[in-house]
């Protein structure tokens, strides 16, 4: 539909698409401010996937949650 210009995607929410094996879609399932190496690596990996998908969908922005204060 994007290619046919039937719809326009203005933004995506990190993480999109939802990571395979994730129990649910949530923007902080892999926090970028992660304290563990595994979580941090997963956050970076899936954020890159979101950026790639956003480019495919011609989205202008990505909403990223960077953690809590």
Protein backbone atom coordinates (compact mmCIF):
# COMPACT_ATOMS: atom_id res chain seq x y z
CA UNK A 1 0.00 0.00 0.00
CA UNK A 2 2.93 2.33 0.68
CA UNK A 3 4.38 1.62 -2.75
CA UNK A 4 0.99 2.28 -4.34
CA UNK A 5 0.73 5.50 -2.28
CA UNK A 6 -2.57 4.32 -0.83
CA UNK A 7 -1.26 5.09 2.67
CA UNK A 8 1.42 7.35 4.07
CA UNK A 9 3.40 6.34 7.14
CA UNK A 10 4.53 9.45 8.98
CA UNK A 11 6.23 7.75 11.93
CA UNK A 12 6.99 4.41 13.53
CA UNK A 13 7.32 3.52 17.18
CA UNK A 14 10.47 1.68 18.26
CA UNK A 15 10.50 -1.37 18.05
CA UNK A 16 8.80 -2.01 14.74
CA UNK A 17 8.14 -4.62 13.68
CA UNK A 18 7.78 -6.26 17.07
CA UNK A 19 10.86 -8.44 17.64
CA UNK A 20 10.37 -12.14 16.93
CA UNK A 21 9.95 -14.01 20.21
CA UNK A 22 8.96 -10.90 22.17
CA UNK A 23 6.12 -11.71 24.55
CA UNK A 24 4.43 -8.40 23.68
CA UNK A 25 5.03 -5.17 21.79
CA UNK A 26 6.39 -2.53 24.14
CA UNK A 27 8.80 0.36 23.46
CA UNK A 28 10.92 -0.46 26.49
CA UNK A 29 11.14 -4.23 26.16
CA UNK A 30 14.84 -3.70 25.35
CA UNK A 31 15.78 -0.41 27.04
CA UNK A 32 18.53 1.60 25.37
CA UNK A 33 19.76 2.61 28.81
CA UNK A 34 20.08 -1.10 29.63
CA UNK A 35 22.33 -2.09 32.46
CA UNK A 36 23.10 -5.50 31.00
CA UNK A 37 25.11 -6.10 27.87
CA UNK A 38 22.49 -8.47 26.39
CA UNK A 39 19.68 -5.94 26.77
CA UNK A 40 21.82 -3.15 25.36
CA UNK A 41 22.84 -5.18 22.32
CA UNK A 42 19.22 -6.21 21.72
CA UNK A 43 18.08 -2.59 22.00
CA UNK A 44 20.64 -1.42 19.43
CA UNK A 45 19.93 -4.34 17.08
CA UNK A 46 16.16 -3.83 17.11
CA UNK A 47 16.47 -0.04 16.87
CA UNK A 48 18.54 -0.52 13.70
CA UNK A 49 15.81 -2.83 12.39
CA UNK A 50 13.24 -0.12 13.13
CA UNK A 51 15.34 2.45 11.21
CA UNK A 52 15.59 0.09 8.23
CA UNK A 53 11.85 -0.60 8.31
CA UNK A 54 11.09 3.12 8.61
CA UNK A 55 13.15 3.73 5.47
CA UNK A 56 11.22 1.01 3.64
CA UNK A 57 7.93 2.56 4.76
CA UNK A 58 9.16 6.08 3.91
CA UNK A 59 8.45 7.23 7.46
CA UNK A 60 9.82 10.65 8.41
CA UNK A 61 10.29 9.94 12.12
CA UNK A 62 10.79 7.23 14.71
CA UNK A 63 9.57 7.47 18.30
CA UNK A 64 12.28 6.10 20.59
CA UNK A 65 12.06 5.62 24.34
CA UNK A 66 15.50 6.00 25.86
CA UNK A 67 14.60 4.94 29.39
CA UNK A 68 13.29 6.41 32.60
CA UNK A 69 14.71 9.14 34.79
